[in-house]
Amino acid sequence: MFPPFNHNPHRRRSRRSSRAGTDTVSTSTSIPETPDQLIDAGLVLAKQQIYQEAINFFDRALAISPNHPQALKNRALTYVHLGQTRAALVDLDRLIDLDPRNLWAFANRAVIFRDLGHYGNAISDFGHLIKHDRPKCWQWLISRGTTLKLMGHYDEALQDFNLSLKLKPNNSWAISARDEMVLHSRHYS
């Protein structure tokens, strides 16, 4: 679910001039930097899979601007790459508190909850996405259905897969999930 690291194309170019190049970063700079420059430097390190140092840059950006959404987002991504999903959840929760319409944060939090076995929380977040992310509603129905299946709620899971197919017929992902669900329910009936 988490996308690869990339620079924020919405920031103005003039604010993006950091001392971080696209290949390497010097972590011993003493010149004051803006949060955007620190985030850019952290992204360079994250792309190089130098995750702990990347987190240090995101932490520095957040020390200057505690609610900077790009710093929180990229630190959450980095925590996931380190396998520190609980720390990622803290940043995702904060992003949602700052902007309750942040569907990216809801989606990624739902996936982490499901992976951690916190199915009720995952179902809640997928439900929010189904309600508020109309273009991807079919996708969130499949994700919620998959979570319901993991919980043993096979009839509800099948309903979500069928609803997804009503929204996007011939979707191979939903067809496969539905067919697997039908076979599973026949096998255990």
C-alpha atoms as a PDB file:
ATOM      1  CA  MET A   1       0.000   0.000   0.000  1.00  0.00           C
ATOM      2  CA  PHE A   2       2.767   2.395   0.811  1.00  0.00           C
ATOM      3  CA  PRO A   3       4.092   4.120  -2.328  1.00  0.00           C
ATOM      4  CA  PRO A   4       7.796   4.451  -3.041  1.00  0.00           C
ATOM      5  CA  PHE A   5       9.530   7.530  -1.743  1.00  0.00           C
ATOM      6  CA  ASN A   6       9.318  10.574  -3.957  1.00  0.00           C
ATOM      7  CA  HIS A   7       9.728  14.299  -3.721  1.00  0.00           C
ATOM      8  CA  ASN A   8       6.648  16.434  -3.185  1.00  0.00           C
ATOM      9  CA  PRO A   9       5.883  17.977  -6.594  1.00  0.00           C
ATOM     10  CA  HIS A  10       3.511  20.525  -5.027  1.00  0.00           C
ATOM     11  CA  ARG A  11       6.197  22.468  -3.189  1.00  0.00           C
ATOM     12  CA  ARG A  12       7.539  25.539  -4.907  1.00  0.00           C
ATOM     13  CA  ARG A  13      10.911  25.063  -6.607  1.00  0.00           C
ATOM     14  CA  SER A  14      12.527  28.002  -4.818  1.00  0.00           C
ATOM     15  CA  ARG A  15      11.988  26.348  -1.439  1.00  0.00           C
ATOM     16  CA  ARG A  16      13.474  23.068  -2.614  1.00  0.00           C
ATOM     17  CA  SER A  17      17.085  24.108  -2.912  1.00  0.00           C
ATOM     18  CA  SER A  18      18.679  21.993  -0.252  1.00  0.00           C
ATOM     19  CA  ARG A  19      22.241  20.836  -0.045  1.00  0.00           C
ATOM     20  CA  ALA A  20      21.013  17.303  -0.552  1.00  0.00           C
ATOM     21  CA  GLY A  21      21.731  16.031  -4.020  1.00  0.00           C
ATOM     22  CA  THR A  22      19.980  13.121  -5.600  1.00  0.00           C
ATOM     23  CA  ASP A  23      22.828  10.711  -4.936  1.00  0.00           C
ATOM     24  CA  THR A  24      24.268  11.387  -1.486  1.00  0.00           C
ATOM     25  CA  VAL A  25      23.584  13.486   1.580  1.00  0.00           C
ATOM     26  CA  SER A  26      25.980  15.004   4.032  1.00  0.00           C
ATOM     27  CA  THR A  27      24.502  14.531   7.489  1.00  0.00           C
ATOM     28  CA  SER A  28      26.960  16.821   9.234  1.00  0.00           C
ATOM     29  CA  THR A  29      25.686  20.168   7.958  1.00  0.00           C
ATOM     30  CA  SER A  30      25.469  22.893  10.554  1.00  0.00           C
ATOM     31  CA  ILE A  31      23.650  25.533   8.495  1.00  0.00           C
ATOM     32  CA  PRO A  32      20.014  25.971   9.598  1.00  0.00           C
ATOM     33  CA  GLU A  33      17.684  24.222   7.194  1.00  0.00           C
ATOM     34  CA  THR A  34      14.011  24.511   6.439  1.00  0.00           C
ATOM     35  CA  PRO A  35      11.639  21.623   7.082  1.00  0.00           C
ATOM     36  CA  ASP A  36      11.284  21.111   3.314  1.00  0.00           C
ATOM     37  CA  GLN A  37      15.054  20.875   2.869  1.00  0.00           C
ATOM     38  CA  LEU A  38      15.292  18.389   5.739  1.00  0.00           C
ATOM     39  CA  ILE A  39      12.479  16.310   4.234  1.00  0.00           C
ATOM     40  CA  ASP A  40      14.207  16.306   0.843  1.00  0.00           C
ATOM     41  CA  ALA A  41      17.444  15.170   2.489  1.00  0.00           C
ATOM     42  CA  GLY A  42      15.563  12.438   4.345  1.00  0.00           C
ATOM     43  CA  LEU A  43      13.939  11.276   1.118  1.00  0.00           C
ATOM     44  CA  VAL A  44      17.330  10.943  -0.552  1.00  0.00           C
ATOM     45  CA  LEU A  45      18.482   8.717   2.306  1.00  0.00           C
ATOM     46  CA  ALA A  46      15.245   6.714   2.331  1.00  0.00           C
ATOM     47  CA  LYS A  47      15.603   6.016  -1.406  1.00  0.00           C
ATOM     48  CA  GLN A  48      19.079   4.699  -0.627  1.00  0.00           C
ATOM     49  CA  GLN A  49      17.544   2.526   2.125  1.00  0.00           C
ATOM     50  CA  ILE A  50      19.448   4.385   4.830  1.00  0.00           C
ATOM     51  CA  TYR A  51      16.305   4.468   6.895  1.00  0.00           C
ATOM     52  CA  GLN A  52      17.515   5.400  10.370  1.00  0.00           C
ATOM     53  CA  GLU A  53      19.364   8.461   9.091  1.00  0.00           C
ATOM     54  CA  ALA A  54      16.299   9.370   7.021  1.00  0.00           C
ATOM     55  CA  ILE A  55      14.206   9.263  10.176  1.00  0.00           C
ATOM     56  CA  ASN A  56      16.694  11.615  11.819  1.00  0.00           C
ATOM     57  CA  PHE A  57      16.080  14.173   9.073  1.00  0.00           C
ATOM     58  CA  PHE A  58      12.297  13.785   9.339  1.00  0.00           C
ATOM     59  CA  ASP A  59      12.606  14.181  13.124  1.00  0.00           C
ATOM     60  CA  ARG A  60      14.572  17.405  12.638  1.00  0.00           C
ATOM     61  CA  ALA A  61      11.914  18.728  10.243  1.00  0.00           C
ATOM     62  CA  LEU A  62       9.229  17.895  12.809  1.00  0.00           C
ATOM     63  CA  ALA A  63      11.217  19.617  15.551  1.00  0.00           C
ATOM     64  CA  ILE A  64      10.937  22.819  13.498  1.00  0.00           C
ATOM     65  CA  SER A  65       7.387  22.240  12.261  1.00  0.00           C
ATOM     66  CA  PRO A  66       5.666  19.637  14.509  1.00  0.00           C
ATOM     67  CA  ASN A  67       2.646  19.104  12.256  1.00  0.00           C
ATOM     68  CA  HIS A  68       4.360  19.083   8.865  1.00  0.00           C
ATOM     69  CA  PRO A  69       2.294  16.563   6.867  1.00  0.00           C
ATOM     70  CA  GLN A  70       5.075  15.533   4.467  1.00  0.00           C
ATOM     71  CA  ALA A  71       7.491  14.898   7.331  1.00  0.00           C
ATOM     72  CA  LEU A  72       4.887  12.773   9.135  1.00  0.00           C
ATOM     73  CA  LYS A  73       3.972  10.888   5.962  1.00  0.00           C
ATOM     74  CA  ASN A  74       7.562  10.124   5.005  1.00  0.00           C
ATOM     75  CA  ARG A  75       8.541   9.185   8.534  1.00  0.00           C
ATOM     76  CA  ALA A  76       5.575   6.765   8.624  1.00  0.00           C
ATOM     77  CA  LEU A  77       6.764   5.249   5.337  1.00  0.00           C
ATOM     78  CA  THR A  78      10.271   4.911   6.710  1.00  0.00           C
ATOM     79  CA  TYR A  79       9.047   3.267   9.907  1.00  0.00           C
ATOM     80  CA  VAL A  80       7.146   0.720   7.803  1.00  0.00           C
ATOM     81  CA  HIS A  81      10.312  -0.071   5.847  1.00  0.00           C
ATOM     82  CA  LEU A  82      12.084  -0.636   9.169  1.00  0.00           C
ATOM     83  CA  GLY A  83       9.268  -2.902  10.359  1.00  0.00           C
ATOM     84  CA  GLN A  84       8.320  -0.414  13.091  1.00  0.00           C
ATOM     85  CA  THR A  85       4.606  -0.424  12.315  1.00  0.00           C
ATOM     86  CA  ARG A  86       3.498   0.815  15.721  1.00  0.00           C
ATOM     87  CA  ALA A  87       5.617   3.944  15.301  1.00  0.00           C
ATOM     88  CA  ALA A  88       4.148   4.354  11.807  1.00  0.00           C
ATOM     89  CA  LEU A  89       0.661   4.168  13.337  1.00  0.00           C
ATOM     90  CA  VAL A  90       1.471   7.096  15.630  1.00  0.00           C
ATOM     91  CA  ASP A  91       2.353   9.263  12.626  1.00  0.00           C
ATOM     92  CA  LEU A  92      -0.685   8.079  10.656  1.00  0.00           C
ATOM     93  CA  ASP A  93      -2.953   8.862  13.621  1.00  0.00           C
ATOM     94  CA  ARG A  94      -1.438  12.325  13.805  1.00  0.00           C
ATOM     95  CA  LEU A  95      -1.977  12.882  10.081  1.00  0.00           C
ATOM     96  CA  ILE A  96      -5.628  11.890  10.485  1.00  0.00           C
ATOM     97  CA  ASP A  97      -6.018  14.175  13.501  1.00  0.00           C
ATOM     98  CA  LEU A  98      -4.587  17.051  11.454  1.00  0.00           C
ATOM     99  CA  ASP A  99      -6.727  16.280   8.401  1.00  0.00           C
ATOM    100  CA  PRO A 100      -9.634  13.855   8.838  1.00  0.00           C
ATOM    101  CA  ARG A 101      -9.993  13.785   5.036  1.00  0.00           C
ATOM    102  CA  ASN A 102      -6.511  12.310   4.553  1.00  0.00           C
ATOM    103  CA  LEU A 103      -7.543   9.126   2.756  1.00  0.00           C
ATOM    104  CA  TRP A 104      -3.919   8.086   2.226  1.00  0.00           C
ATOM    105  CA  ALA A 105      -3.393   7.935   5.987  1.00  0.00           C
ATOM    106  CA  PHE A 106      -6.651   6.016   6.535  1.00  0.00           C
ATOM    107  CA  ALA A 107      -5.750   3.495   3.825  1.00  0.00           C
ATOM    108  CA  ASN A 108      -2.291   2.819   5.141  1.00  0.00           C
ATOM    109  CA  ARG A 109      -3.452   2.699   8.742  1.00  0.00           C
ATOM    110  CA  ALA A 110      -6.112   0.145   7.755  1.00  0.00           C
ATOM    111  CA  VAL A 111      -3.509  -2.075   6.090  1.00  0.00           C
ATOM    112  CA  ILE A 112      -1.215  -1.891   9.123  1.00  0.00           C
ATOM    113  CA  PHE A 113      -4.110  -2.676  11.465  1.00  0.00           C
ATOM    114  CA  ARG A 114      -5.015  -5.708   9.340  1.00  0.00           C
ATOM    115  CA  ASP A 115      -1.394  -6.884   9.246  1.00  0.00           C
ATOM    116  CA  LEU A 116      -1.175  -6.553  13.047  1.00  0.00           C
ATOM    117  CA  GLY A 117      -4.402  -8.526  13.501  1.00  0.00           C
ATOM    118  CA  HIS A 118      -6.363  -5.513  14.760  1.00  0.00           C
ATOM    119  CA  TYR A 119      -9.240  -6.444  12.488  1.00  0.00           C
ATOM    120  CA  GLY A 120     -11.912  -4.289  14.107  1.00  0.00           C
ATOM    121  CA  ASN A 121      -9.804  -1.160  13.589  1.00  0.00           C
ATOM    122  CA  ALA A 122      -9.032  -2.197  10.021  1.00  0.00           C
ATOM    123  CA  ILE A 123     -12.745  -2.764   9.302  1.00  0.00           C
ATOM    124  CA  SER A 124     -13.524   0.690  10.682  1.00  0.00           C
ATOM    125  CA  ASP A 125     -10.912   2.398   8.511  1.00  0.00           C
ATOM    126  CA  PHE A 126     -11.930   0.451   5.403  1.00  0.00           C
ATOM    127  CA  GLY A 127     -15.545   1.456   6.134  1.00  0.00           C
ATOM    128  CA  HIS A 128     -14.469   5.095   6.270  1.00  0.00           C
ATOM    129  CA  LEU A 129     -12.722   4.693   2.921  1.00  0.00           C
ATOM    130  CA  ILE A 130     -15.758   2.984   1.370  1.00  0.00           C
ATOM    131  CA  LYS A 131     -17.879   5.942   2.411  1.00  0.00           C
ATOM    132  CA  HIS A 132     -15.472   8.744   1.487  1.00  0.00           C
ATOM    133  CA  ASP A 133     -13.327   7.476  -1.403  1.00  0.00           C
ATOM    134  CA  ARG A 134     -15.930   6.860  -4.114  1.00  0.00           C
ATOM    135  CA  PRO A 135     -13.465   6.322  -6.991  1.00  0.00           C
ATOM    136  CA  LYS A 136     -11.816   3.466  -5.108  1.00  0.00           C
ATOM    137  CA  CYS A 137     -14.877   2.179  -3.239  1.00  0.00           C
ATOM    138  CA  TRP A 138     -14.710  -1.136  -5.119  1.00  0.00           C
ATOM    139  CA  GLN A 139     -11.098  -1.602  -3.956  1.00  0.00           C
ATOM    140  CA  TRP A 140     -11.898  -0.831  -0.310  1.00  0.00           C
ATOM    141  CA  LEU A 141     -14.800  -3.289  -0.412  1.00  0.00           C
ATOM    142  CA  ILE A 142     -12.364  -6.019  -1.430  1.00  0.00           C
ATOM    143  CA  SER A 143      -9.933  -4.989   1.313  1.00  0.00           C
ATOM    144  CA  ARG A 144     -12.683  -4.994   3.918  1.00  0.00           C
ATOM    145  CA  GLY A 145     -13.976  -8.314   2.585  1.00  0.00           C
ATOM    146  CA  THR A 146     -10.507  -9.810   2.879  1.00  0.00           C
ATOM    147  CA  THR A 147     -10.324  -8.602   6.481  1.00  0.00           C
ATOM    148  CA  LEU A 148     -13.771 -10.016   7.239  1.00  0.00           C
ATOM    149  CA  LYS A 149     -12.640 -13.335   5.794  1.00  0.00           C
ATOM    150  CA  LEU A 150      -9.623 -13.326   8.118  1.00  0.00           C
ATOM    151  CA  MET A 151     -12.063 -12.798  11.002  1.00  0.00           C
ATOM    152  CA  GLY A 152     -14.161 -15.776   9.884  1.00  0.00           C
ATOM    153  CA  HIS A 153     -17.103 -13.588   8.815  1.00  0.00           C
ATOM    154  CA  TYR A 154     -17.538 -15.359   5.486  1.00  0.00           C
ATOM    155  CA  ASP A 155     -21.056 -14.201   4.593  1.00  0.00           C
ATOM    156  CA  GLU A 156     -20.154 -10.553   5.163  1.00  0.00           C
ATOM    157  CA  ALA A 157     -16.925 -10.976   3.196  1.00  0.00           C
ATOM    158  CA  LEU A 158     -18.851 -12.480   0.296  1.00  0.00           C
ATOM    159  CA  GLN A 159     -21.267  -9.526   0.381  1.00  0.00           C
ATOM    160  CA  ASP A 160     -18.365  -7.085   0.094  1.00  0.00           C
ATOM    161  CA  PHE A 161     -16.834  -9.006  -2.821  1.00  0.00           C
ATOM    162  CA  ASN A 162     -20.202  -9.054  -4.614  1.00  0.00           C
ATOM    163  CA  LEU A 163     -20.755  -5.325  -3.975  1.00  0.00           C
ATOM    164  CA  SER A 164     -17.309  -4.641  -5.388  1.00  0.00           C
ATOM    165  CA  LEU A 165     -18.219  -6.552  -8.535  1.00  0.00           C
ATOM    166  CA  LYS A 166     -21.411  -4.521  -8.908  1.00  0.00           C
ATOM    167  CA  LEU A 167     -19.298  -1.365  -8.882  1.00  0.00           C
ATOM    168  CA  LYS A 168     -16.560  -2.721 -11.125  1.00  0.00           C
ATOM    169  CA  PRO A 169     -17.707  -5.777 -13.094  1.00  0.00           C
ATOM    170  CA  ASN A 170     -15.060  -8.136 -14.464  1.00  0.00           C
ATOM    171  CA  ASN A 171     -12.570  -7.074 -11.802  1.00  0.00           C
ATOM    172  CA  SER A 172     -10.253 -10.071 -11.560  1.00  0.00           C
ATOM    173  CA  TRP A 173      -9.228  -9.235  -7.980  1.00  0.00           C
ATOM    174  CA  ALA A 174     -12.853  -9.278  -6.760  1.00  0.00           C
ATOM    175  CA  ILE A 175     -13.740 -12.317  -8.882  1.00  0.00           C
ATOM    176  CA  SER A 176     -10.812 -14.255  -7.461  1.00  0.00           C
ATOM    177  CA  ALA A 177     -11.629 -13.226  -3.872  1.00  0.00           C
ATOM    178  CA  ARG A 178     -15.319 -14.096  -4.332  1.00  0.00           C
ATOM    179  CA  ASP A 179     -14.590 -17.467  -5.962  1.00  0.00           C
ATOM    180  CA  GLU A 180     -12.111 -18.355  -3.231  1.00  0.00           C
ATOM    181  CA  MET A 181     -14.708 -17.369  -0.632  1.00  0.00           C
ATOM    182  CA  VAL A 182     -17.376 -19.540  -2.271  1.00  0.00           C
ATOM    183  CA  LEU A 183     -15.033 -22.534  -2.437  1.00  0.00           C
ATOM    184  CA  HIS A 184     -14.008 -21.961   1.158  1.00  0.00           C
ATOM    185  CA  SER A 185     -17.598 -21.787   2.403  1.00  0.00           C
ATOM    186  CA  ARG A 186     -18.555 -24.956   0.473  1.00  0.00           C
ATOM    187  CA  HIS A 187     -15.566 -26.805   1.877  1.00  0.00           C
ATOM    188  CA  TYR A 188     -16.411 -25.916   5.481  1.00  0.00           C
ATOM    189  CA  SER A 189     -20.194 -26.233   5.255  1.00  0.00           C
END
